[in-house]
N, C-alpha and C. Protein backbone atom coordinates (compact mmCIF):
# COMPACT_ATOMS: atom_id res chain seq x y z
N MET A 1 42.67 53.02 -2.35
CA MET A 1 41.29 52.84 -1.96
C MET A 1 41.00 51.35 -1.78
N SER A 2 40.03 51.05 -0.98
CA SER A 2 39.73 49.66 -0.65
C SER A 2 38.93 48.97 -1.74
N LYS A 3 38.67 47.69 -1.52
CA LYS A 3 37.98 46.89 -2.53
C LYS A 3 36.47 46.88 -2.38
N THR A 4 35.95 47.20 -1.21
CA THR A 4 34.51 47.22 -1.02
C THR A 4 33.94 48.41 -1.77
N LYS A 5 32.92 48.16 -2.58
CA LYS A 5 32.31 49.21 -3.40
C LYS A 5 31.36 50.06 -2.57
N SER A 6 31.37 51.34 -2.86
CA SER A 6 30.43 52.26 -2.21
C SER A 6 29.02 51.97 -2.68
N ILE A 7 28.07 51.98 -1.76
CA ILE A 7 26.66 51.87 -2.15
C ILE A 7 26.03 53.25 -2.27
N VAL A 8 26.85 54.29 -2.09
CA VAL A 8 26.36 55.67 -2.11
C VAL A 8 26.47 56.27 -3.51
N THR A 9 27.58 56.03 -4.19
CA THR A 9 27.82 56.62 -5.51
C THR A 9 28.56 55.64 -6.41
N ASP A 10 28.34 55.78 -7.70
CA ASP A 10 29.06 54.97 -8.68
C ASP A 10 30.30 55.68 -9.20
N TYR A 11 30.52 56.91 -8.79
CA TYR A 11 31.62 57.73 -9.30
C TYR A 11 32.81 57.69 -8.35
N ALA A 12 33.55 56.60 -8.37
CA ALA A 12 34.64 56.36 -7.42
C ALA A 12 35.80 57.34 -7.56
N GLY A 13 36.01 57.91 -8.73
CA GLY A 13 37.15 58.78 -8.94
C GLY A 13 36.89 60.25 -8.72
N ILE A 14 35.68 60.60 -8.30
CA ILE A 14 35.30 62.00 -8.16
C ILE A 14 34.91 62.29 -6.71
N CYS A 15 35.47 63.36 -6.16
CA CYS A 15 35.15 63.74 -4.78
C CYS A 15 33.64 63.98 -4.66
N PHE A 16 33.03 63.30 -3.73
CA PHE A 16 31.59 63.39 -3.48
C PHE A 16 31.17 64.80 -3.07
N PHE A 17 32.08 65.56 -2.52
CA PHE A 17 31.76 66.87 -1.95
C PHE A 17 32.03 68.04 -2.90
N CYS A 18 33.13 68.00 -3.66
CA CYS A 18 33.48 69.15 -4.50
C CYS A 18 33.61 68.83 -5.98
N GLY A 19 33.67 67.56 -6.35
CA GLY A 19 33.75 67.18 -7.75
C GLY A 19 35.16 67.10 -8.32
N LYS A 20 36.17 67.39 -7.52
CA LYS A 20 37.56 67.27 -7.98
C LYS A 20 37.96 65.79 -7.95
N PRO A 21 39.13 65.46 -8.51
CA PRO A 21 39.57 64.06 -8.46
C PRO A 21 39.69 63.56 -7.01
N ALA A 22 39.20 62.36 -6.78
CA ALA A 22 39.25 61.76 -5.44
C ALA A 22 40.64 61.20 -5.16
N GLU A 23 41.09 61.36 -3.93
CA GLU A 23 42.39 60.86 -3.50
C GLU A 23 42.28 59.85 -2.36
N CYS A 24 41.10 59.75 -1.78
CA CYS A 24 40.89 58.86 -0.65
C CYS A 24 39.40 58.55 -0.52
N GLU A 25 39.06 57.84 0.53
CA GLU A 25 37.65 57.52 0.81
C GLU A 25 37.27 58.10 2.17
N HIS A 26 36.04 58.54 2.26
CA HIS A 26 35.50 58.99 3.54
C HIS A 26 34.42 58.01 3.95
N HIS A 27 34.58 57.38 5.10
CA HIS A 27 33.57 56.48 5.64
C HIS A 27 32.52 57.34 6.34
N LEU A 28 31.28 57.21 5.92
CA LEU A 28 30.22 58.06 6.46
C LEU A 28 30.01 57.85 7.95
N LEU A 29 30.33 56.67 8.43
CA LEU A 29 30.24 56.35 9.86
C LEU A 29 31.65 56.00 10.33
N PHE A 30 32.09 56.63 11.41
CA PHE A 30 33.46 56.43 11.86
C PHE A 30 33.54 56.67 13.36
N GLY A 31 34.63 56.20 13.95
CA GLY A 31 34.84 56.36 15.39
C GLY A 31 34.38 55.13 16.16
N ASN A 32 35.06 54.84 17.25
CA ASN A 32 34.69 53.74 18.16
C ASN A 32 34.49 52.41 17.44
N GLY A 33 35.32 52.11 16.46
CA GLY A 33 35.28 50.81 15.79
C GLY A 33 34.20 50.65 14.74
N ILE A 34 33.45 51.71 14.42
CA ILE A 34 32.38 51.53 13.44
C ILE A 34 32.84 51.78 12.00
N ARG A 35 34.03 52.31 11.83
CA ARG A 35 34.56 52.52 10.48
C ARG A 35 34.63 51.20 9.72
N GLU A 36 35.05 50.15 10.39
CA GLU A 36 35.15 48.84 9.76
C GLU A 36 33.78 48.32 9.33
N LEU A 37 32.75 48.59 10.13
CA LEU A 37 31.39 48.19 9.75
C LEU A 37 30.92 48.98 8.54
N ALA A 38 31.23 50.27 8.51
CA ALA A 38 30.87 51.10 7.36
C ALA A 38 31.57 50.59 6.10
N GLU A 39 32.80 50.16 6.24
CA GLU A 39 33.54 49.58 5.11
C GLU A 39 32.82 48.33 4.60
N GLN A 40 32.45 47.45 5.51
CA GLN A 40 31.75 46.22 5.12
C GLN A 40 30.43 46.52 4.43
N ASP A 41 29.74 47.56 4.87
CA ASP A 41 28.42 47.91 4.33
C ASP A 41 28.49 48.81 3.10
N GLY A 42 29.69 49.27 2.73
CA GLY A 42 29.83 50.16 1.58
C GLY A 42 29.37 51.57 1.84
N LEU A 43 29.32 51.96 3.10
CA LEU A 43 28.88 53.31 3.48
C LEU A 43 30.07 54.26 3.48
N LYS A 44 30.54 54.56 2.29
CA LYS A 44 31.70 55.43 2.11
C LYS A 44 31.58 56.15 0.79
N VAL A 45 32.30 57.24 0.67
CA VAL A 45 32.28 58.04 -0.56
C VAL A 45 33.71 58.44 -0.91
N PRO A 46 33.98 58.64 -2.20
CA PRO A 46 35.29 59.15 -2.58
C PRO A 46 35.42 60.61 -2.16
N ALA A 47 36.64 61.00 -1.82
CA ALA A 47 36.87 62.38 -1.38
C ALA A 47 38.26 62.84 -1.80
N CYS A 48 38.41 64.13 -2.00
CA CYS A 48 39.75 64.68 -2.17
C CYS A 48 40.30 64.92 -0.77
N ASN A 49 41.61 65.05 -0.67
CA ASN A 49 42.21 65.23 0.65
C ASN A 49 41.73 66.50 1.34
N LYS A 50 41.51 67.57 0.57
CA LYS A 50 41.07 68.84 1.16
C LYS A 50 39.70 68.67 1.83
N CYS A 51 38.76 68.06 1.13
CA CYS A 51 37.42 67.88 1.70
C CYS A 51 37.42 66.86 2.83
N HIS A 52 38.30 65.88 2.75
CA HIS A 52 38.30 64.82 3.75
C HIS A 52 38.88 65.29 5.08
N ASN A 53 40.16 65.66 5.08
CA ASN A 53 40.76 66.02 6.37
C ASN A 53 41.94 66.99 6.30
N MET A 54 42.21 67.57 5.13
CA MET A 54 43.38 68.45 5.02
C MET A 54 43.04 69.91 4.73
N GLY A 55 41.79 70.21 4.46
CA GLY A 55 41.40 71.60 4.21
C GLY A 55 41.24 72.36 5.52
N LYS A 56 40.86 73.62 5.41
CA LYS A 56 40.55 74.40 6.60
C LYS A 56 39.43 73.71 7.36
N GLN A 57 39.37 73.88 8.65
CA GLN A 57 38.40 73.16 9.47
C GLN A 57 36.98 73.32 8.95
N ILE A 58 36.62 74.47 8.48
CA ILE A 58 35.26 74.70 8.00
C ILE A 58 35.00 74.02 6.65
N GLU A 59 36.06 73.63 5.93
CA GLU A 59 35.94 73.04 4.60
C GLU A 59 36.04 71.53 4.58
N ARG A 60 36.42 70.92 5.69
CA ARG A 60 36.65 69.47 5.69
C ARG A 60 35.60 68.75 6.53
N ILE A 61 35.57 67.44 6.39
CA ILE A 61 34.63 66.63 7.15
C ILE A 61 35.13 66.43 8.58
N HIS A 62 36.34 65.89 8.72
CA HIS A 62 36.86 65.56 10.05
C HIS A 62 37.23 66.81 10.83
N GLU A 63 36.93 66.78 12.11
CA GLU A 63 37.13 67.87 13.06
C GLU A 63 36.20 69.05 12.79
N ASN A 64 35.14 68.81 12.03
CA ASN A 64 34.10 69.80 11.77
C ASN A 64 32.82 69.16 12.32
N ILE A 65 32.37 69.59 13.46
CA ILE A 65 31.29 68.93 14.18
C ILE A 65 30.03 68.78 13.34
N MET A 66 29.63 69.82 12.64
CA MET A 66 28.41 69.75 11.84
C MET A 66 28.57 68.79 10.67
N ALA A 67 29.71 68.85 9.99
CA ALA A 67 29.94 67.96 8.85
C ALA A 67 30.01 66.50 9.31
N GLU A 68 30.63 66.24 10.45
CA GLU A 68 30.69 64.87 10.97
C GLU A 68 29.29 64.35 11.29
N LYS A 69 28.48 65.17 11.91
CA LYS A 69 27.10 64.76 12.25
C LYS A 69 26.30 64.49 10.98
N LEU A 70 26.39 65.38 9.99
CA LEU A 70 25.67 65.18 8.73
C LEU A 70 26.15 63.93 8.01
N SER A 71 27.44 63.64 8.09
CA SER A 71 28.00 62.44 7.49
C SER A 71 27.35 61.19 8.09
N LYS A 72 27.25 61.17 9.40
CA LYS A 72 26.67 60.01 10.09
C LYS A 72 25.17 59.90 9.81
N MET A 73 24.49 61.03 9.71
CA MET A 73 23.06 61.00 9.37
C MET A 73 22.85 60.45 7.96
N LEU A 74 23.69 60.89 7.02
CA LEU A 74 23.60 60.39 5.65
C LEU A 74 23.89 58.90 5.61
N GLY A 75 24.90 58.47 6.34
CA GLY A 75 25.22 57.04 6.39
C GLY A 75 24.05 56.21 6.88
N GLN A 76 23.38 56.67 7.92
CA GLN A 76 22.23 55.95 8.44
C GLN A 76 21.07 55.97 7.45
N ALA A 77 20.81 57.11 6.84
CA ALA A 77 19.70 57.20 5.87
C ALA A 77 19.92 56.25 4.70
N ILE A 78 21.15 56.15 4.23
CA ILE A 78 21.44 55.24 3.12
C ILE A 78 21.33 53.79 3.59
N TYR A 79 21.81 53.50 4.79
CA TYR A 79 21.66 52.15 5.35
C TYR A 79 20.18 51.76 5.36
N GLU A 80 19.35 52.66 5.87
CA GLU A 80 17.92 52.35 5.98
C GLU A 80 17.24 52.24 4.63
N SER A 81 17.73 52.93 3.62
CA SER A 81 17.09 52.86 2.30
C SER A 81 17.59 51.68 1.48
N LYS A 82 18.78 51.15 1.79
CA LYS A 82 19.35 50.10 0.94
C LYS A 82 19.68 48.80 1.65
N ILE A 83 19.79 48.82 2.98
CA ILE A 83 20.26 47.63 3.68
C ILE A 83 19.27 47.09 4.69
N GLY A 84 18.84 47.90 5.63
CA GLY A 84 18.00 47.39 6.70
C GLY A 84 17.19 48.46 7.40
N THR A 85 16.59 48.07 8.50
CA THR A 85 15.70 48.96 9.25
C THR A 85 16.50 49.82 10.24
N ARG A 86 15.82 50.77 10.84
CA ARG A 86 16.44 51.62 11.86
C ARG A 86 16.88 50.78 13.06
N GLU A 87 16.06 49.83 13.45
CA GLU A 87 16.43 48.96 14.57
C GLU A 87 17.66 48.14 14.24
N GLU A 88 17.76 47.63 13.02
CA GLU A 88 18.95 46.88 12.60
C GLU A 88 20.18 47.79 12.61
N PHE A 89 20.00 49.04 12.19
CA PHE A 89 21.10 50.00 12.22
C PHE A 89 21.56 50.21 13.66
N ARG A 90 20.62 50.42 14.56
CA ARG A 90 20.96 50.64 15.98
C ARG A 90 21.74 49.45 16.54
N LYS A 91 21.30 48.26 16.22
CA LYS A 91 21.99 47.06 16.72
C LYS A 91 23.40 46.98 16.16
N ARG A 92 23.56 47.29 14.90
CA ARG A 92 24.86 47.17 14.24
C ARG A 92 25.82 48.29 14.65
N TYR A 93 25.32 49.52 14.69
CA TYR A 93 26.19 50.67 14.92
C TYR A 93 26.09 51.26 16.33
N GLY A 94 25.21 50.73 17.16
CA GLY A 94 25.16 51.13 18.56
C GLY A 94 24.27 52.30 18.90
N LYS A 95 23.79 53.04 17.91
CA LYS A 95 22.91 54.18 18.16
C LYS A 95 22.31 54.65 16.85
N SER A 96 21.34 55.53 16.97
CA SER A 96 20.73 56.15 15.79
C SER A 96 21.20 57.60 15.71
N TYR A 97 21.48 58.04 14.49
CA TYR A 97 21.87 59.44 14.26
C TYR A 97 20.71 60.25 13.71
N LEU A 98 19.58 59.60 13.47
CA LEU A 98 18.40 60.29 12.94
C LEU A 98 17.33 60.45 14.01
């Protein structure tokens, strides 16, 4: 796992989605070069491999359209509550998910 601390949760060793031991991190905002920005902003959560990208499509975040959209919406909501405004989010990430 990386060195930038999550601003979403203090429980780095526990999967944010199922509560099992975390094996990786899920960046709430990803794709088209924005993963690195999410890393800088701490917009990530701990995840187990199953919930992140190795479970059945309906059980994981990646390649699950609804889960990916909700992830990006959560990332923006946390950005707006802890970092900046919606306009600042749009400038930084290129669009609004809310």
